[in-house]
């Protein structure tokens, strides 16, 4: 029987990332489940620009994917839950 490797859910960036205002807007809209195209329409940006912001956020947060990015955004206080 082989053991399954379980990834830690407690992954955090090495330090709290510094975000631009636009990156904060994109992060918050991602937390609402909007797609890159929808965010682009809301912020008057192309979906390619939004995709670029999302990729930069994933790198800054050292995240594995967008879901992990949003989770870290909540835990670090960038996203508030009402």
PDB file of N, CA and C in Angstrom:
ATOM      1  N   UNK A   1       0.839  -1.173   0.000  1.00  0.00           N
ATOM      2  CA  UNK A   1       0.000   0.000   0.000  1.00  0.00           C
ATOM      3  C   UNK A   1       0.889   1.243   0.000  1.00  0.00           C
ATOM      4  N   UNK A   2       0.599   2.163  -0.888  1.00  0.00           N
ATOM      5  CA  UNK A   2       1.409   3.373  -0.947  1.00  0.00           C
ATOM      6  C   UNK A   2       0.733   4.487  -0.179  1.00  0.00           C
ATOM      7  N   UNK A   3       1.540   5.295   0.475  1.00  0.00           N
ATOM      8  CA  UNK A   3       0.999   6.441   1.208  1.00  0.00           C
ATOM      9  C   UNK A   3       0.763   7.595   0.257  1.00  0.00           C
ATOM     10  N   UNK A   4      -0.338   8.285   0.466  1.00  0.00           N
ATOM     11  CA  UNK A   4      -0.611   9.468  -0.333  1.00  0.00           C
ATOM     12  C   UNK A   4       0.091  10.649   0.309  1.00  0.00           C
ATOM     13  N   UNK A   5       0.704  11.441  -0.520  1.00  0.00           N
ATOM     14  CA  UNK A   5       1.394  12.631  -0.027  1.00  0.00           C
ATOM     15  C   UNK A   5       0.358  13.747   0.123  1.00  0.00           C
ATOM     16  N   UNK A   6       0.218  14.277   1.326  1.00  0.00           N
ATOM     17  CA  UNK A   6      -0.747  15.325   1.603  1.00  0.00           C
ATOM     18  C   UNK A   6      -0.014  16.654   1.680  1.00  0.00           C
ATOM     19  N   UNK A   7      -0.497  17.617   0.892  1.00  0.00           N
ATOM     20  CA  UNK A   7       0.108  18.944   0.906  1.00  0.00           C
ATOM     21  C   UNK A   7      -0.392  19.723   2.109  1.00  0.00           C
ATOM     22  N   UNK A   8       0.467  20.483   2.703  1.00  0.00           N
ATOM     23  CA  UNK A   8       0.091  21.298   3.849  1.00  0.00           C
ATOM     24  C   UNK A   8      -0.852  22.403   3.422  1.00  0.00           C
ATOM     25  N   UNK A   9      -1.918  22.610   4.184  1.00  0.00           N
ATOM     26  CA  UNK A   9      -2.852  23.692   3.914  1.00  0.00           C
ATOM     27  C   UNK A   9      -2.418  24.977   4.595  1.00  0.00           C
ATOM     28  N   UNK A  10      -1.370  24.908   5.382  1.00  0.00           N
ATOM     29  CA  UNK A  10      -0.898  26.069   6.124  1.00  0.00           C
ATOM     30  C   UNK A  10       0.268  26.751   5.428  1.00  0.00           C
ATOM     31  N   UNK A  11       0.177  26.913   4.128  1.00  0.00           N
ATOM     32  CA  UNK A  11       1.240  27.571   3.395  1.00  0.00           C
ATOM     33  C   UNK A  11       1.009  29.074   3.400  1.00  0.00           C
ATOM     34  N   UNK A  12       2.034  29.813   3.681  1.00  0.00           N
ATOM     35  CA  UNK A  12       1.971  31.263   3.706  1.00  0.00           C
ATOM     36  C   UNK A  12       3.158  31.821   2.943  1.00  0.00           C
ATOM     37  N   UNK A  13       3.018  33.036   2.419  1.00  0.00           N
ATOM     38  CA  UNK A  13       4.182  33.665   1.806  1.00  0.00           C
ATOM     39  C   UNK A  13       5.232  33.933   2.875  1.00  0.00           C
ATOM     40  N   UNK A  14       6.464  34.071   2.460  1.00  0.00           N
ATOM     41  CA  UNK A  14       7.549  34.303   3.410  1.00  0.00           C
ATOM     42  C   UNK A  14       7.370  35.613   4.181  1.00  0.00           C
ATOM     43  N   UNK A  15       6.745  36.596   3.539  1.00  0.00           N
ATOM     44  CA  UNK A  15       6.421  37.858   4.196  1.00  0.00           C
ATOM     45  C   UNK A  15       5.092  38.355   3.632  1.00  0.00           C
ATOM     46  N   UNK A  16       4.485  39.311   4.315  1.00  0.00           N
ATOM     47  CA  UNK A  16       3.222  39.855   3.822  1.00  0.00           C
ATOM     48  C   UNK A  16       3.520  40.663   2.569  1.00  0.00           C
ATOM     49  N   UNK A  17       2.896  40.277   1.447  1.00  0.00           N
ATOM     50  CA  UNK A  17       3.214  40.943   0.184  1.00  0.00           C
ATOM     51  C   UNK A  17       2.701  42.381   0.130  1.00  0.00           C
ATOM     52  N   UNK A  18       3.445  43.224  -0.564  1.00  0.00           N
ATOM     53  CA  UNK A  18       3.006  44.589  -0.828  1.00  0.00           C
ATOM     54  C   UNK A  18       2.231  44.560  -2.139  1.00  0.00           C
ATOM     55  N   UNK A  19       0.989  45.045  -2.096  1.00  0.00           N
ATOM     56  CA  UNK A  19       0.132  45.010  -3.272  1.00  0.00           C
ATOM     57  C   UNK A  19      -0.187  46.411  -3.758  1.00  0.00           C
ATOM     58  N   UNK A  20      -0.306  46.536  -5.065  1.00  0.00           N
ATOM     59  CA  UNK A  20      -0.778  47.795  -5.637  1.00  0.00           C
ATOM     60  C   UNK A  20      -2.286  47.880  -5.399  1.00  0.00           C
ATOM     61  N   UNK A  21      -2.848  49.077  -5.552  1.00  0.00           N
ATOM     62  CA  UNK A  21      -4.297  49.222  -5.409  1.00  0.00           C
ATOM     63  C   UNK A  21      -5.027  48.338  -6.412  1.00  0.00           C
ATOM     64  N   UNK A  22      -4.530  48.260  -7.629  1.00  0.00           N
ATOM     65  CA  UNK A  22      -5.167  47.447  -8.665  1.00  0.00           C
ATOM     66  C   UNK A  22      -5.115  45.970  -8.294  1.00  0.00           C
ATOM     67  N   UNK A  23      -3.983  45.505  -7.760  1.00  0.00           N
ATOM     68  CA  UNK A  23      -3.876  44.106  -7.336  1.00  0.00           C
ATOM     69  C   UNK A  23      -4.870  43.806  -6.216  1.00  0.00           C
ATOM     70  N   UNK A  24      -5.057  44.749  -5.301  1.00  0.00           N
ATOM     71  CA  UNK A  24      -6.038  44.568  -4.223  1.00  0.00           C
ATOM     72  C   UNK A  24      -7.439  44.460  -4.798  1.00  0.00           C
ATOM     73  N   UNK A  25      -7.764  45.300  -5.784  1.00  0.00           N
ATOM     74  CA  UNK A  25      -9.083  45.241  -6.425  1.00  0.00           C
ATOM     75  C   UNK A  25      -9.301  43.898  -7.093  1.00  0.00           C
ATOM     76  N   UNK A  26      -8.294  43.438  -7.829  1.00  0.00           N
ATOM     77  CA  UNK A  26      -8.396  42.154  -8.523  1.00  0.00           C
ATOM     78  C   UNK A  26      -8.557  41.021  -7.511  1.00  0.00           C
ATOM     79  N   UNK A  27      -7.788  41.044  -6.444  1.00  0.00           N
ATOM     80  CA  UNK A  27      -7.863  40.004  -5.412  1.00  0.00           C
ATOM     81  C   UNK A  27      -9.260  39.945  -4.800  1.00  0.00           C
ATOM     82  N   UNK A  28      -9.815  41.084  -4.473  1.00  0.00           N
ATOM     83  CA  UNK A  28     -11.163  41.122  -3.885  1.00  0.00           C
ATOM     84  C   UNK A  28     -12.197  40.588  -4.870  1.00  0.00           C
ATOM     85  N   UNK A  29     -12.103  40.993  -6.131  1.00  0.00           N
ATOM     86  CA  UNK A  29     -13.059  40.506  -7.127  1.00  0.00           C
ATOM     87  C   UNK A  29     -12.899  39.010  -7.381  1.00  0.00           C
ATOM     88  N   UNK A  30     -11.669  38.504  -7.327  1.00  0.00           N
ATOM     89  CA  UNK A  30     -11.465  37.062  -7.434  1.00  0.00           C
ATOM     90  C   UNK A  30     -12.161  36.328  -6.292  1.00  0.00           C
ATOM     91  N   UNK A  31     -12.148  36.935  -5.109  1.00  0.00           N
ATOM     92  CA  UNK A  31     -12.778  36.292  -3.951  1.00  0.00           C
ATOM     93  C   UNK A  31     -14.285  36.184  -4.116  1.00  0.00           C
ATOM     94  N   UNK A  32     -14.875  37.020  -4.963  1.00  0.00           N
ATOM     95  CA  UNK A  32     -16.305  36.938  -5.258  1.00  0.00           C
ATOM     96  C   UNK A  32     -16.604  35.937  -6.376  1.00  0.00           C
ATOM     97  N   UNK A  33     -15.567  35.350  -6.931  1.00  0.00           N
ATOM     98  CA  UNK A  33     -15.743  34.324  -7.941  1.00  0.00           C
ATOM     99  C   UNK A  33     -15.829  34.828  -9.370  1.00  0.00           C
ATOM    100  N   UNK A  34     -15.513  36.097  -9.583  1.00  0.00           N
ATOM    101  CA  UNK A  34     -15.543  36.636 -10.937  1.00  0.00           C
ATOM    102  C   UNK A  34     -14.425  36.055 -11.790  1.00  0.00           C
ATOM    103  N   UNK A  35     -14.680  35.900 -13.073  1.00  0.00           N
ATOM    104  CA  UNK A  35     -13.660  35.441 -14.017  1.00  0.00           C
ATOM    105  C   UNK A  35     -12.780  36.622 -14.425  1.00  0.00           C
ATOM    106  N   UNK A  36     -11.689  36.317 -15.116  1.00  0.00           N
ATOM    107  CA  UNK A  36     -10.804  37.384 -15.597  1.00  0.00           C
ATOM    108  C   UNK A  36     -11.569  38.340 -16.518  1.00  0.00           C
ATOM    109  N   UNK A  37     -12.409  37.803 -17.382  1.00  0.00           N
ATOM    110  CA  UNK A  37     -13.179  38.646 -18.309  1.00  0.00           C
ATOM    111  C   UNK A  37     -14.164  39.537 -17.555  1.00  0.00           C
ATOM    112  N   UNK A  38     -14.831  38.974 -16.564  1.00  0.00           N
ATOM    113  CA  UNK A  38     -15.787  39.762 -15.771  1.00  0.00           C
ATOM    114  C   UNK A  38     -15.078  40.862 -14.991  1.00  0.00           C
ATOM    115  N   UNK A  39     -13.931  40.539 -14.411  1.00  0.00           N
ATOM    116  CA  UNK A  39     -13.158  41.543 -13.681  1.00  0.00           C
ATOM    117  C   UNK A  39     -12.699  42.634 -14.640  1.00  0.00           C
ATOM    118  N   UNK A  40     -12.265  42.229 -15.817  1.00  0.00           N
ATOM    119  CA  UNK A  40     -11.863  43.198 -16.826  1.00  0.00           C
ATOM    120  C   UNK A  40     -12.982  44.164 -17.168  1.00  0.00           C
ATOM    121  N   UNK A  41     -14.199  43.648 -17.317  1.00  0.00           N
ATOM    122  CA  UNK A  41     -15.342  44.511 -17.605  1.00  0.00           C
ATOM    123  C   UNK A  41     -15.629  45.470 -16.453  1.00  0.00           C
ATOM    124  N   UNK A  42     -15.528  44.979 -15.230  1.00  0.00           N
ATOM    125  CA  UNK A  42     -15.794  45.815 -14.054  1.00  0.00           C
ATOM    126  C   UNK A  42     -14.760  46.927 -13.934  1.00  0.00           C
ATOM    127  N   UNK A  43     -13.481  46.587 -14.167  1.00  0.00           N
ATOM    128  CA  UNK A  43     -12.384  47.544 -13.965  1.00  0.00           C
ATOM    129  C   UNK A  43     -11.952  48.248 -15.257  1.00  0.00           C
ATOM    130  N   UNK A  44     -12.657  47.977 -16.342  1.00  0.00           N
ATOM    131  CA  UNK A  44     -12.311  48.562 -17.652  1.00  0.00           C
ATOM    132  C   UNK A  44     -10.888  48.197 -18.077  1.00  0.00           C
ATOM    133  N   UNK A  45     -10.570  46.911 -17.963  1.00  0.00           N
ATOM    134  CA  UNK A  45      -9.273  46.368 -18.359  1.00  0.00           C
ATOM    135  C   UNK A  45      -9.508  45.203 -19.307  1.00  0.00           C
ATOM    136  N   UNK A  46      -8.498  44.846 -20.070  1.00  0.00           N
ATOM    137  CA  UNK A  46      -8.617  43.635 -20.878  1.00  0.00           C
ATOM    138  C   UNK A  46      -8.470  42.424 -19.957  1.00  0.00           C
ATOM    139  N   UNK A  47      -9.036  41.297 -20.375  1.00  0.00           N
ATOM    140  CA  UNK A  47      -8.904  40.101 -19.547  1.00  0.00           C
ATOM    141  C   UNK A  47      -7.452  39.634 -19.487  1.00  0.00           C
ATOM    142  N   UNK A  48      -6.642  40.008 -20.475  1.00  0.00           N
ATOM    143  CA  UNK A  48      -5.214  39.672 -20.451  1.00  0.00           C
ATOM    144  C   UNK A  48      -4.504  40.427 -19.322  1.00  0.00           C
ATOM    145  N   UNK A  49      -4.880  41.680 -19.120  1.00  0.00           N
ATOM    146  CA  UNK A  49      -4.288  42.475 -18.039  1.00  0.00           C
ATOM    147  C   UNK A  49      -4.682  41.890 -16.688  1.00  0.00           C
ATOM    148  N   UNK A  50      -5.936  41.500 -16.551  1.00  0.00           N
ATOM    149  CA  UNK A  50      -6.403  40.895 -15.299  1.00  0.00           C
ATOM    150  C   UNK A  50      -5.665  39.586 -15.047  1.00  0.00           C
ATOM    151  N   UNK A  51      -5.491  38.783 -16.090  1.00  0.00           N
ATOM    152  CA  UNK A  51      -4.759  37.521 -15.962  1.00  0.00           C
ATOM    153  C   UNK A  51      -3.331  37.783 -15.490  1.00  0.00           C
ATOM    154  N   UNK A  52      -2.718  38.840 -16.001  1.00  0.00           N
ATOM    155  CA  UNK A  52      -1.367  39.218 -15.586  1.00  0.00           C
ATOM    156  C   UNK A  52      -1.340  39.607 -14.110  1.00  0.00           C
ATOM    157  N   UNK A  53      -2.323  40.386 -13.667  1.00  0.00           N
ATOM    158  CA  UNK A  53      -2.401  40.769 -12.246  1.00  0.00           C
ATOM    159  C   UNK A  53      -2.573  39.521 -11.374  1.00  0.00           C
ATOM    160  N   UNK A  54      -3.444  38.585 -11.806  1.00  0.00           N
ATOM    161  CA  UNK A  54      -3.673  37.364 -11.036  1.00  0.00           C
ATOM    162  C   UNK A  54      -2.395  36.547 -10.929  1.00  0.00           C
ATOM    163  N   UNK A  55      -1.665  36.425 -12.030  1.00  0.00           N
ATOM    164  CA  UNK A  55      -0.399  35.674 -12.002  1.00  0.00           C
ATOM    165  C   UNK A  55       0.612  36.324 -11.059  1.00  0.00           C
ATOM    166  N   UNK A  56       0.682  37.666 -11.098  1.00  0.00           N
ATOM    167  CA  UNK A  56       1.602  38.370 -10.191  1.00  0.00           C
ATOM    168  C   UNK A  56       1.204  38.161  -8.736  1.00  0.00           C
ATOM    169  N   UNK A  57      -0.108  38.165  -8.467  1.00  0.00           N
ATOM    170  CA  UNK A  57      -0.587  37.922  -7.101  1.00  0.00           C
ATOM    171  C   UNK A  57      -0.211  36.523  -6.640  1.00  0.00           C
ATOM    172  N   UNK A  58      -0.379  35.531  -7.496  1.00  0.00           N
ATOM    173  CA  UNK A  58      -0.029  34.156  -7.143  1.00  0.00           C
ATOM    174  C   UNK A  58       1.458  34.056  -6.811  1.00  0.00           C
ATOM    175  N   UNK A  59       2.284  34.754  -7.569  1.00  0.00           N
ATOM    176  CA  UNK A  59       3.725  34.760  -7.294  1.00  0.00           C
ATOM    177  C   UNK A  59       4.013  35.479  -5.978  1.00  0.00           C
ATOM    178  N   UNK A  60       3.417  36.658  -5.772  1.00  0.00           N
ATOM    179  CA  UNK A  60       3.665  37.430  -4.545  1.00  0.00           C
ATOM    180  C   UNK A  60       3.238  36.663  -3.291  1.00  0.00           C
ATOM    181  N   UNK A  61       2.133  35.911  -3.394  1.00  0.00           N
ATOM    182  CA  UNK A  61       1.635  35.159  -2.246  1.00  0.00           C
ATOM    183  C   UNK A  61       2.247  33.763  -2.157  1.00  0.00           C
ATOM    184  N   UNK A  62       3.057  33.412  -3.149  1.00  0.00           N
ATOM    185  CA  UNK A  62       3.648  32.074  -3.220  1.00  0.00           C
ATOM    186  C   UNK A  62       2.548  31.011  -3.153  1.00  0.00           C
ATOM    187  N   UNK A  63       1.478  31.254  -3.921  1.00  0.00           N
ATOM    188  CA  UNK A  63       0.314  30.369  -3.918  1.00  0.00           C
ATOM    189  C   UNK A  63       0.438  29.315  -5.009  1.00  0.00           C
ATOM    190  N   UNK A  64      -0.317  28.251  -4.839  1.00  0.00           N
ATOM    191  CA  UNK A  64      -0.338  27.177  -5.838  1.00  0.00           C
ATOM    192  C   UNK A  64      -1.367  27.456  -6.919  1.00  0.00           C
ATOM    193  N   UNK A  65      -2.436  28.182  -6.572  1.00  0.00           N
ATOM    194  CA  UNK A  65      -3.524  28.436  -7.519  1.00  0.00           C
ATOM    195  C   UNK A  65      -4.380  29.590  -6.987  1.00  0.00           C
ATOM    196  N   UNK A  66      -5.441  29.932  -7.714  1.00  0.00           N
ATOM    197  CA  UNK A  66      -6.272  31.067  -7.339  1.00  0.00           C
ATOM    198  C   UNK A  66      -7.028  30.802  -6.040  1.00  0.00           C
ATOM    199  N   UNK A  67      -7.499  29.584  -5.835  1.00  0.00           N
ATOM    200  CA  UNK A  67      -8.212  29.263  -4.591  1.00  0.00           C
ATOM    201  C   UNK A  67      -7.305  29.477  -3.380  1.00  0.00           C
ATOM    202  N   UNK A  68      -6.069  29.018  -3.481  1.00  0.00           N
ATOM    203  CA  UNK A  68      -5.103  29.201  -2.398  1.00  0.00           C
ATOM    204  C   UNK A  68      -4.776  30.678  -2.214  1.00  0.00           C
ATOM    205  N   UNK A  69      -4.707  31.412  -3.304  1.00  0.00           N
ATOM    206  CA  UNK A  69      -4.469  32.853  -3.254  1.00  0.00           C
ATOM    207  C   UNK A  69      -5.562  33.554  -2.466  1.00  0.00           C
ATOM    208  N   UNK A  70      -6.811  33.237  -2.760  1.00  0.00           N
ATOM    209  CA  UNK A  70      -7.938  33.865  -2.065  1.00  0.00           C
ATOM    210  C   UNK A  70      -7.920  33.489  -0.583  1.00  0.00           C
ATOM    211  N   UNK A  71      -7.649  32.235  -0.269  1.00  0.00           N
ATOM    212  CA  UNK A  71      -7.587  31.799   1.128  1.00  0.00           C
ATOM    213  C   UNK A  71      -6.522  32.589   1.898  1.00  0.00           C
ATOM    214  N   UNK A  72      -5.359  32.750   1.283  1.00  0.00           N
ATOM    215  CA  UNK A  72      -4.294  33.507   1.930  1.00  0.00           C
ATOM    216  C   UNK A  72      -4.675  34.980   2.057  1.00  0.00           C
ATOM    217  N   UNK A  73      -5.352  35.508   1.038  1.00  0.00           N
ATOM    218  CA  UNK A  73      -5.808  36.893   1.092  1.00  0.00           C
ATOM    219  C   UNK A  73      -6.734  37.135   2.271  1.00  0.00           C
ATOM    220  N   UNK A  74      -7.594  36.164   2.542  1.00  0.00           N
ATOM    221  CA  UNK A  74      -8.499  36.263   3.695  1.00  0.00           C
ATOM    222  C   UNK A  74      -7.700  36.176   4.994  1.00  0.00           C
ATOM    223  N   UNK A  75      -6.832  35.189   5.086  1.00  0.00           N
ATOM    224  CA  UNK A  75      -6.073  34.976   6.320  1.00  0.00           C
ATOM    225  C   UNK A  75      -5.140  36.139   6.647  1.00  0.00           C
ATOM    226  N   UNK A  76      -4.637  36.821   5.612  1.00  0.00           N
ATOM    227  CA  UNK A  76      -3.720  37.939   5.842  1.00  0.00           C
ATOM    228  C   UNK A  76      -4.437  39.284   5.939  1.00  0.00           C
ATOM    229  N   UNK A  77      -5.763  39.282   5.812  1.00  0.00           N
ATOM    230  CA  UNK A  77      -6.535  40.500   6.024  1.00  0.00           C
ATOM    231  C   UNK A  77      -6.732  41.367   4.790  1.00  0.00           C
ATOM    232  N   UNK A  78      -6.353  40.893   3.622  1.00  0.00           N
ATOM    233  CA  UNK A  78      -6.587  41.664   2.403  1.00  0.00           C
ATOM    234  C   UNK A  78      -8.045  41.595   1.969  1.00  0.00           C
ATOM    235  N   UNK A  79      -8.712  40.522   2.361  1.00  0.00           N
ATOM    236  CA  UNK A  79     -10.117  40.299   2.017  1.00  0.00           C
ATOM    237  C   UNK A  79     -10.882  40.137   3.318  1.00  0.00           C
ATOM    238  N   UNK A  80     -11.944  40.928   3.484  1.00  0.00           N
ATOM    239  CA  UNK A  80     -12.771  40.775   4.680  1.00  0.00           C
ATOM    240  C   UNK A  80     -14.038  40.009   4.328  1.00  0.00           C
ATOM    241  N   UNK A  81     -14.465  39.172   5.240  1.00  0.00           N
ATOM    242  CA  UNK A  81     -15.675  38.392   5.055  1.00  0.00           C
ATOM    243  C   UNK A  81     -16.764  39.017   5.908  1.00  0.00           C
ATOM    244  N   UNK A  82     -17.872  39.329   5.264  1.00  0.00           N
ATOM    245  CA  UNK A  82     -18.986  39.978   5.982  1.00  0.00           C
ATOM    246  C   UNK A  82     -20.006  38.947   6.372  1.00  0.00           C
TER     247      UNK A  82
END
